[in-house]
Amino acid sequence: MRLVEQRHPSLELALELLALIRAEAGERGLALAVCVVDAAGHVVASQRMDGAALGAMRLAVGKAHTAVSWGTRSGEFMESTQPGGVDWGFNSTDSRVVVYAGGVPLFVDGQLIGAAAASGGTGEEDEACVTAGARSLRLDQV
C-alpha cells in the first residue's frame, strides 16, 4: 500500500497530502507553505505556494516538528508556553519548536508515522487546511 513505508509517510503519500492541503488553501484564498515530516521529524516533502510569505516555510517545518515530537497538534502549546504558563520557556529551548496552530500529527492504526503542517494563514486556517487534507487520505489525527 502507498500509505506508509516502514511506518513513515512515503514520498508519494507526502506529495499527495501536500496537494490536498494546497487545494484546500486555494479554495480558501490562502497562499501557504506546507510540509510533511516522518516520525523522526525529518522533512519528507515541502512546498511553498506562489505568494506565500518567505518565512512561512520555516514555521511550517517547525510546526510539523513540534507535532511529531509530542504527538499532538502544535497549537496545543500556545497557552501553556505564555509567561507564567506551565510550559513557559518550552519553545525557547529548541529553535525547531513552533507553538502556533497548524501542525498536525499523523497516525496509522494508532501509531505515529509523522506530521503535516502549514503556515501562511491564521493558525486556525493553517490547521483547517492540514486537517482537511489528512481526512481526505483517511489518516488518523489527534
N, C-alpha and C. Protein backbone atom coordinates (compact mmCIF):
# COMPACT_ATOMS: atom_id res chain seq x y z
N MET A 1 0.84 -1.18 0.00
CA MET A 1 0.00 0.00 0.00
C MET A 1 0.89 1.25 0.00
N ARG A 2 0.48 2.28 -0.69
CA ARG A 2 1.25 3.50 -0.84
C ARG A 2 1.30 4.35 0.42
N LEU A 3 0.49 3.99 1.42
CA LEU A 3 0.31 4.85 2.57
C LEU A 3 1.60 5.08 3.36
N VAL A 4 2.20 4.02 3.80
CA VAL A 4 3.40 4.18 4.61
C VAL A 4 4.45 3.16 4.18
N GLU A 5 5.67 3.54 4.39
CA GLU A 5 6.79 2.67 4.11
C GLU A 5 7.57 2.58 5.41
N GLN A 6 7.64 1.42 6.00
CA GLN A 6 8.35 1.25 7.27
C GLN A 6 7.80 2.18 8.35
N ARG A 7 6.50 2.38 8.36
CA ARG A 7 5.80 3.22 9.35
C ARG A 7 6.19 4.69 9.28
N HIS A 8 6.59 5.12 8.10
CA HIS A 8 6.85 6.53 7.82
C HIS A 8 6.06 6.89 6.57
N PRO A 9 5.68 8.16 6.42
CA PRO A 9 4.98 8.52 5.19
C PRO A 9 5.91 8.36 3.99
N SER A 10 5.43 7.70 2.95
CA SER A 10 6.21 7.58 1.72
C SER A 10 6.24 8.95 1.03
N LEU A 11 7.16 9.12 0.11
CA LEU A 11 7.20 10.36 -0.66
C LEU A 11 5.90 10.54 -1.43
N GLU A 12 5.38 9.45 -1.99
CA GLU A 12 4.12 9.51 -2.74
C GLU A 12 2.99 10.02 -1.85
N LEU A 13 2.89 9.49 -0.65
CA LEU A 13 1.85 9.93 0.28
C LEU A 13 2.06 11.40 0.65
N ALA A 14 3.29 11.77 0.95
CA ALA A 14 3.57 13.16 1.35
C ALA A 14 3.17 14.14 0.25
N LEU A 15 3.53 13.82 -0.99
CA LEU A 15 3.19 14.71 -2.10
C LEU A 15 1.68 14.78 -2.32
N GLU A 16 1.00 13.66 -2.16
CA GLU A 16 -0.46 13.65 -2.30
C GLU A 16 -1.10 14.49 -1.20
N LEU A 17 -0.60 14.35 0.02
CA LEU A 17 -1.13 15.13 1.14
C LEU A 17 -0.88 16.62 0.92
N LEU A 18 0.33 16.98 0.48
CA LEU A 18 0.62 18.39 0.22
C LEU A 18 -0.31 18.95 -0.85
N ALA A 19 -0.60 18.16 -1.88
CA ALA A 19 -1.51 18.62 -2.94
C ALA A 19 -2.91 18.88 -2.38
N LEU A 20 -3.37 18.01 -1.50
CA LEU A 20 -4.70 18.19 -0.90
C LEU A 20 -4.74 19.42 0.01
N ILE A 21 -3.68 19.62 0.77
CA ILE A 21 -3.61 20.81 1.64
C ILE A 21 -3.58 22.07 0.79
N ARG A 22 -2.79 22.07 -0.28
CA ARG A 22 -2.73 23.24 -1.16
C ARG A 22 -4.07 23.50 -1.83
N ALA A 23 -4.78 22.45 -2.22
CA ALA A 23 -6.09 22.61 -2.84
C ALA A 23 -7.06 23.27 -1.86
N GLU A 24 -7.04 22.82 -0.62
CA GLU A 24 -7.91 23.42 0.41
C GLU A 24 -7.53 24.88 0.62
N ALA A 25 -6.24 25.16 0.67
CA ALA A 25 -5.78 26.53 0.84
C ALA A 25 -6.25 27.40 -0.33
N GLY A 26 -6.14 26.87 -1.54
CA GLY A 26 -6.58 27.61 -2.72
C GLY A 26 -8.06 27.95 -2.67
N GLU A 27 -8.87 26.99 -2.22
CA GLU A 27 -10.31 27.23 -2.08
C GLU A 27 -10.59 28.33 -1.07
N ARG A 28 -9.72 28.47 -0.10
CA ARG A 28 -9.90 29.50 0.94
C ARG A 28 -9.19 30.80 0.58
N GLY A 29 -8.53 30.85 -0.56
CA GLY A 29 -7.82 32.05 -0.98
C GLY A 29 -6.53 32.29 -0.22
N LEU A 30 -5.91 31.21 0.25
CA LEU A 30 -4.69 31.32 1.03
C LEU A 30 -3.47 30.88 0.22
N ALA A 31 -2.33 31.47 0.52
CA ALA A 31 -1.05 31.05 -0.04
C ALA A 31 -0.20 30.55 1.13
N LEU A 32 0.04 29.24 1.17
CA LEU A 32 0.69 28.62 2.33
C LEU A 32 2.01 27.95 1.95
N ALA A 33 2.84 27.77 2.95
CA ALA A 33 3.96 26.84 2.89
C ALA A 33 3.49 25.59 3.61
N VAL A 34 3.77 24.42 3.03
CA VAL A 34 3.29 23.17 3.58
C VAL A 34 4.43 22.18 3.69
N CYS A 35 4.32 21.28 4.67
CA CYS A 35 5.42 20.38 4.97
C CYS A 35 4.89 19.07 5.55
N VAL A 36 5.54 17.96 5.20
CA VAL A 36 5.28 16.65 5.83
C VAL A 36 6.61 16.14 6.35
N VAL A 37 6.62 15.69 7.61
CA VAL A 37 7.82 15.10 8.21
C VAL A 37 7.52 13.65 8.59
N ASP A 38 8.59 12.86 8.71
CA ASP A 38 8.43 11.48 9.16
C ASP A 38 8.42 11.42 10.68
N ALA A 39 8.36 10.23 11.23
CA ALA A 39 8.26 10.07 12.69
C ALA A 39 9.50 10.57 13.43
N ALA A 40 10.61 10.72 12.74
CA ALA A 40 11.83 11.25 13.36
C ALA A 40 11.94 12.76 13.19
N GLY A 41 10.96 13.38 12.54
CA GLY A 41 10.98 14.82 12.35
C GLY A 41 11.72 15.30 11.12
N HIS A 42 12.15 14.37 10.27
CA HIS A 42 12.86 14.73 9.04
C HIS A 42 11.86 15.08 7.94
N VAL A 43 12.14 16.12 7.18
CA VAL A 43 11.25 16.53 6.11
C VAL A 43 11.22 15.47 5.02
N VAL A 44 10.00 15.04 4.67
CA VAL A 44 9.79 14.12 3.55
C VAL A 44 9.53 14.93 2.28
N ALA A 45 8.70 15.98 2.42
CA ALA A 45 8.40 16.85 1.29
C ALA A 45 7.89 18.18 1.82
N SER A 46 8.17 19.24 1.08
CA SER A 46 7.66 20.56 1.43
C SER A 46 7.49 21.38 0.17
N GLN A 47 6.57 22.31 0.22
CA GLN A 47 6.29 23.17 -0.93
C GLN A 47 5.83 24.53 -0.42
N ARG A 48 6.17 25.58 -1.18
CA ARG A 48 5.69 26.92 -0.86
C ARG A 48 4.86 27.40 -2.03
N MET A 49 3.59 27.68 -1.76
CA MET A 49 2.69 28.14 -2.81
C MET A 49 3.12 29.53 -3.27
N ASP A 50 2.84 29.84 -4.53
CA ASP A 50 3.10 31.18 -5.04
C ASP A 50 2.42 32.20 -4.14
N GLY A 51 3.16 33.20 -3.75
CA GLY A 51 2.60 34.26 -2.91
C GLY A 51 2.71 34.03 -1.42
N ALA A 52 3.15 32.84 -1.00
CA ALA A 52 3.30 32.58 0.44
C ALA A 52 4.47 33.40 0.97
N ALA A 53 4.35 33.84 2.18
CA ALA A 53 5.41 34.63 2.81
C ALA A 53 6.71 33.83 2.85
N LEU A 54 7.82 34.50 2.70
CA LEU A 54 9.12 33.82 2.70
C LEU A 54 9.38 33.07 4.01
N GLY A 55 8.96 33.63 5.13
CA GLY A 55 9.20 33.00 6.43
C GLY A 55 8.23 31.87 6.74
N ALA A 56 7.23 31.67 5.91
CA ALA A 56 6.21 30.66 6.21
C ALA A 56 6.77 29.24 6.21
N MET A 57 7.76 28.95 5.37
CA MET A 57 8.28 27.58 5.32
C MET A 57 8.97 27.20 6.61
N ARG A 58 9.78 28.09 7.17
CA ARG A 58 10.44 27.78 8.43
C ARG A 58 9.41 27.47 9.51
N LEU A 59 8.33 28.24 9.54
CA LEU A 59 7.29 28.00 10.53
C LEU A 59 6.56 26.68 10.27
N ALA A 60 6.29 26.36 9.00
CA ALA A 60 5.61 25.10 8.70
C ALA A 60 6.46 23.91 9.13
N VAL A 61 7.74 23.95 8.84
CA VAL A 61 8.64 22.86 9.25
C VAL A 61 8.66 22.76 10.78
N GLY A 62 8.73 23.90 11.47
CA GLY A 62 8.73 23.90 12.93
C GLY A 62 7.44 23.36 13.52
N LYS A 63 6.33 23.72 12.92
CA LYS A 63 5.03 23.21 13.41
C LYS A 63 4.96 21.69 13.24
N ALA A 64 5.42 21.19 12.09
CA ALA A 64 5.41 19.75 11.86
C ALA A 64 6.33 19.04 12.84
N HIS A 65 7.53 19.60 13.05
CA HIS A 65 8.48 19.03 14.00
C HIS A 65 7.87 18.98 15.41
N THR A 66 7.22 20.04 15.81
CA THR A 66 6.59 20.10 17.13
C THR A 66 5.49 19.05 17.25
N ALA A 67 4.64 18.95 16.24
CA ALA A 67 3.53 17.99 16.28
C ALA A 67 4.02 16.55 16.37
N VAL A 68 5.06 16.20 15.62
CA VAL A 68 5.55 14.82 15.65
C VAL A 68 6.35 14.56 16.93
N SER A 69 7.03 15.56 17.44
CA SER A 69 7.85 15.37 18.64
C SER A 69 7.02 15.03 19.87
N TRP A 70 5.84 15.61 19.97
CA TRP A 70 4.99 15.36 21.14
C TRP A 70 3.70 14.63 20.79
N GLY A 71 3.51 14.29 19.53
CA GLY A 71 2.32 13.53 19.14
C GLY A 71 1.03 14.27 19.37
N THR A 72 1.08 15.59 19.29
CA THR A 72 -0.11 16.40 19.47
C THR A 72 -0.05 17.62 18.55
N ARG A 73 -1.15 18.26 18.36
CA ARG A 73 -1.20 19.44 17.50
C ARG A 73 -0.30 20.53 18.07
N SER A 74 0.43 21.20 17.20
CA SER A 74 1.38 22.23 17.64
C SER A 74 0.71 23.35 18.41
N GLY A 75 -0.52 23.67 18.08
CA GLY A 75 -1.23 24.75 18.77
C GLY A 75 -1.63 24.43 20.20
N GLU A 76 -1.53 23.15 20.59
CA GLU A 76 -1.87 22.77 21.96
C GLU A 76 -0.98 23.45 22.99
N PHE A 77 0.18 23.94 22.56
CA PHE A 77 1.13 24.54 23.48
C PHE A 77 1.03 26.07 23.54
N MET A 78 0.12 26.67 22.79
CA MET A 78 0.06 28.13 22.71
C MET A 78 -0.15 28.79 24.07
N GLU A 79 -1.12 28.33 24.81
CA GLU A 79 -1.41 28.96 26.11
C GLU A 79 -0.40 28.57 27.18
N SER A 80 -0.02 27.31 27.22
CA SER A 80 0.86 26.85 28.31
C SER A 80 2.27 27.41 28.22
N THR A 81 2.67 27.92 27.04
CA THR A 81 4.02 28.47 26.89
C THR A 81 4.07 29.98 27.08
N GLN A 82 2.95 30.58 27.40
CA GLN A 82 2.93 32.01 27.67
C GLN A 82 3.57 32.28 29.03
N PRO A 83 4.06 33.50 29.28
CA PRO A 83 4.65 33.80 30.58
C PRO A 83 3.73 33.39 31.73
N GLY A 84 4.28 32.65 32.66
CA GLY A 84 3.51 32.16 33.79
C GLY A 84 2.86 30.81 33.55
N GLY A 85 2.85 30.34 32.29
CA GLY A 85 2.24 29.05 31.96
C GLY A 85 3.11 27.90 32.41
N VAL A 86 2.52 26.72 32.49
CA VAL A 86 3.26 25.55 32.98
C VAL A 86 4.40 25.14 32.05
N ASP A 87 4.34 25.53 30.79
CA ASP A 87 5.41 25.21 29.85
C ASP A 87 6.20 26.44 29.44
N TRP A 88 6.18 27.49 30.26
CA TRP A 88 6.89 28.74 29.94
C TRP A 88 8.35 28.41 29.66
N GLY A 89 8.87 28.90 28.55
CA GLY A 89 10.25 28.67 28.16
C GLY A 89 10.44 27.45 27.29
N PHE A 90 9.43 26.61 27.20
CA PHE A 90 9.49 25.38 26.43
C PHE A 90 9.95 25.63 24.99
N ASN A 91 9.38 26.62 24.33
CA ASN A 91 9.72 26.86 22.93
C ASN A 91 10.99 27.67 22.76
N SER A 92 11.65 28.05 23.83
CA SER A 92 12.92 28.76 23.70
C SER A 92 14.11 27.81 23.79
N THR A 93 13.85 26.53 24.07
CA THR A 93 14.94 25.57 24.23
C THR A 93 15.37 24.93 22.91
N ASP A 94 14.54 25.02 21.89
CA ASP A 94 14.83 24.38 20.61
C ASP A 94 14.21 25.24 19.52
N SER A 95 15.03 25.77 18.62
CA SER A 95 14.52 26.68 17.59
C SER A 95 13.57 26.00 16.61
N ARG A 96 13.51 24.67 16.63
CA ARG A 96 12.58 23.96 15.74
C ARG A 96 11.19 23.88 16.32
N VAL A 97 11.01 24.21 17.59
CA VAL A 97 9.71 24.13 18.24
C VAL A 97 8.92 25.39 17.91
N VAL A 98 7.75 25.20 17.33
CA VAL A 98 6.85 26.31 17.00
C VAL A 98 5.49 25.98 17.59
N VAL A 99 5.01 26.82 18.48
CA VAL A 99 3.81 26.51 19.26
C VAL A 99 2.54 27.18 18.72
N TYR A 100 2.53 27.51 17.45
CA TYR A 100 1.34 28.07 16.82
C TYR A 100 0.54 26.94 16.18
N ALA A 101 -0.76 27.14 16.03
CA ALA A 101 -1.61 26.14 15.39
C ALA A 101 -1.20 25.96 13.93
N GLY A 102 -1.37 24.74 13.44
CA GLY A 102 -1.07 24.44 12.05
C GLY A 102 -0.31 23.15 11.85
N GLY A 103 0.25 22.58 12.92
CA GLY A 103 0.96 21.30 12.85
C GLY A 103 0.08 20.18 13.38
N VAL A 104 -0.05 19.11 12.62
CA VAL A 104 -0.96 18.01 12.98
C VAL A 104 -0.22 16.68 12.90
N PRO A 105 -0.19 15.92 14.01
CA PRO A 105 0.44 14.60 13.95
C PRO A 105 -0.42 13.64 13.12
N LEU A 106 0.23 12.67 12.48
CA LEU A 106 -0.47 11.71 11.64
C LEU A 106 -0.25 10.30 12.19
N PHE A 107 -1.32 9.55 12.29
CA PHE A 107 -1.28 8.20 12.85
C PHE A 107 -1.87 7.21 11.86
N VAL A 108 -1.34 6.00 11.85
CA VAL A 108 -1.94 4.88 11.13
C VAL A 108 -2.05 3.74 12.13
N ASP A 109 -3.26 3.23 12.30
CA ASP A 109 -3.51 2.14 13.25
C ASP A 109 -2.97 2.48 14.64
N GLY A 110 -3.14 3.74 15.04
CA GLY A 110 -2.71 4.17 16.37
C GLY A 110 -1.23 4.46 16.51
N GLN A 111 -0.45 4.26 15.45
CA GLN A 111 0.99 4.51 15.52
C GLN A 111 1.33 5.83 14.83
N LEU A 112 2.09 6.66 15.51
CA LEU A 112 2.53 7.93 14.97
C LEU A 112 3.49 7.68 13.81
N ILE A 113 3.15 8.19 12.62
CA ILE A 113 4.00 7.97 11.44
C ILE A 113 4.68 9.25 10.97
N GLY A 114 4.23 10.40 11.47
CA GLY A 114 4.79 11.67 11.03
C GLY A 114 3.86 12.80 11.38
N ALA A 115 4.02 13.90 10.67
CA ALA A 115 3.16 15.06 10.90
C ALA A 115 3.12 15.90 9.62
N ALA A 116 2.08 16.70 9.52
CA ALA A 116 1.97 17.65 8.42
C ALA A 116 1.67 19.01 9.02
N ALA A 117 2.08 20.06 8.31
CA ALA A 117 1.86 21.41 8.82
C ALA A 117 1.76 22.39 7.68
N ALA A 118 1.17 23.53 7.99
CA ALA A 118 1.06 24.63 7.04
C ALA A 118 1.27 25.93 7.79
N SER A 119 1.70 26.95 7.05
CA SER A 119 1.86 28.28 7.62
C SER A 119 1.63 29.30 6.52
N GLY A 120 1.04 30.41 6.89
CA GLY A 120 0.78 31.48 5.94
C GLY A 120 -0.56 32.13 6.14
N GLY A 121 -1.50 31.42 6.76
CA GLY A 121 -2.78 31.98 7.12
C GLY A 121 -2.80 32.21 8.62
N THR A 122 -3.97 32.32 9.20
CA THR A 122 -4.04 32.30 10.66
C THR A 122 -3.74 30.87 11.09
N GLY A 123 -3.39 30.68 12.34
CA GLY A 123 -3.15 29.33 12.82
C GLY A 123 -4.34 28.42 12.59
N GLU A 124 -5.54 28.96 12.80
CA GLU A 124 -6.75 28.17 12.62
C GLU A 124 -6.94 27.78 11.15
N GLU A 125 -6.64 28.72 10.24
CA GLU A 125 -6.75 28.41 8.81
C GLU A 125 -5.71 27.37 8.40
N ASP A 126 -4.49 27.53 8.88
CA ASP A 126 -3.43 26.57 8.58
C ASP A 126 -3.84 25.17 9.02
N GLU A 127 -4.31 25.06 10.26
CA GLU A 127 -4.69 23.76 10.81
C GLU A 127 -5.88 23.17 10.06
N ALA A 128 -6.84 24.00 9.71
CA ALA A 128 -8.01 23.50 8.97
C ALA A 128 -7.61 22.92 7.63
N CYS A 129 -6.67 23.54 6.94
CA CYS A 129 -6.21 23.04 5.64
C CYS A 129 -5.50 21.70 5.80
N VAL A 130 -4.64 21.59 6.80
CA VAL A 130 -3.92 20.34 7.04
C VAL A 130 -4.90 19.24 7.44
N THR A 131 -5.83 19.55 8.32
CA THR A 131 -6.80 18.56 8.77
C THR A 131 -7.65 18.07 7.60
N ALA A 132 -8.06 18.97 6.73
CA ALA A 132 -8.87 18.57 5.57
C ALA A 132 -8.09 17.61 4.68
N GLY A 133 -6.82 17.90 4.44
CA GLY A 133 -6.00 17.01 3.62
C GLY A 133 -5.83 15.65 4.25
N ALA A 134 -5.54 15.62 5.54
CA ALA A 134 -5.34 14.35 6.24
C ALA A 134 -6.61 13.52 6.26
N ARG A 135 -7.74 14.18 6.45
CA ARG A 135 -9.02 13.45 6.44
C ARG A 135 -9.29 12.85 5.07
N SER A 136 -8.95 13.56 4.01
CA SER A 136 -9.16 13.06 2.65
C SER A 136 -8.40 11.75 2.42
N LEU A 137 -7.26 11.61 3.06
CA LEU A 137 -6.46 10.39 2.92
C LEU A 137 -6.75 9.38 4.03
N ARG A 138 -7.72 9.70 4.86
CA ARG A 138 -8.12 8.84 5.97
C ARG A 138 -6.98 8.56 6.95
N LEU A 139 -6.16 9.60 7.17
CA LEU A 139 -5.10 9.50 8.18
C LEU A 139 -5.69 9.91 9.52
N ASP A 140 -5.39 9.17 10.55
CA ASP A 140 -5.87 9.50 11.89
C ASP A 140 -5.10 10.68 12.44
N GLN A 141 -5.78 11.54 13.21
CA GLN A 141 -5.16 12.67 13.86
C GLN A 141 -5.68 12.74 15.29
N VAL A 142 -4.97 13.49 16.12
CA VAL A 142 -5.48 13.70 17.49
C VAL A 142 -6.31 14.95 17.51
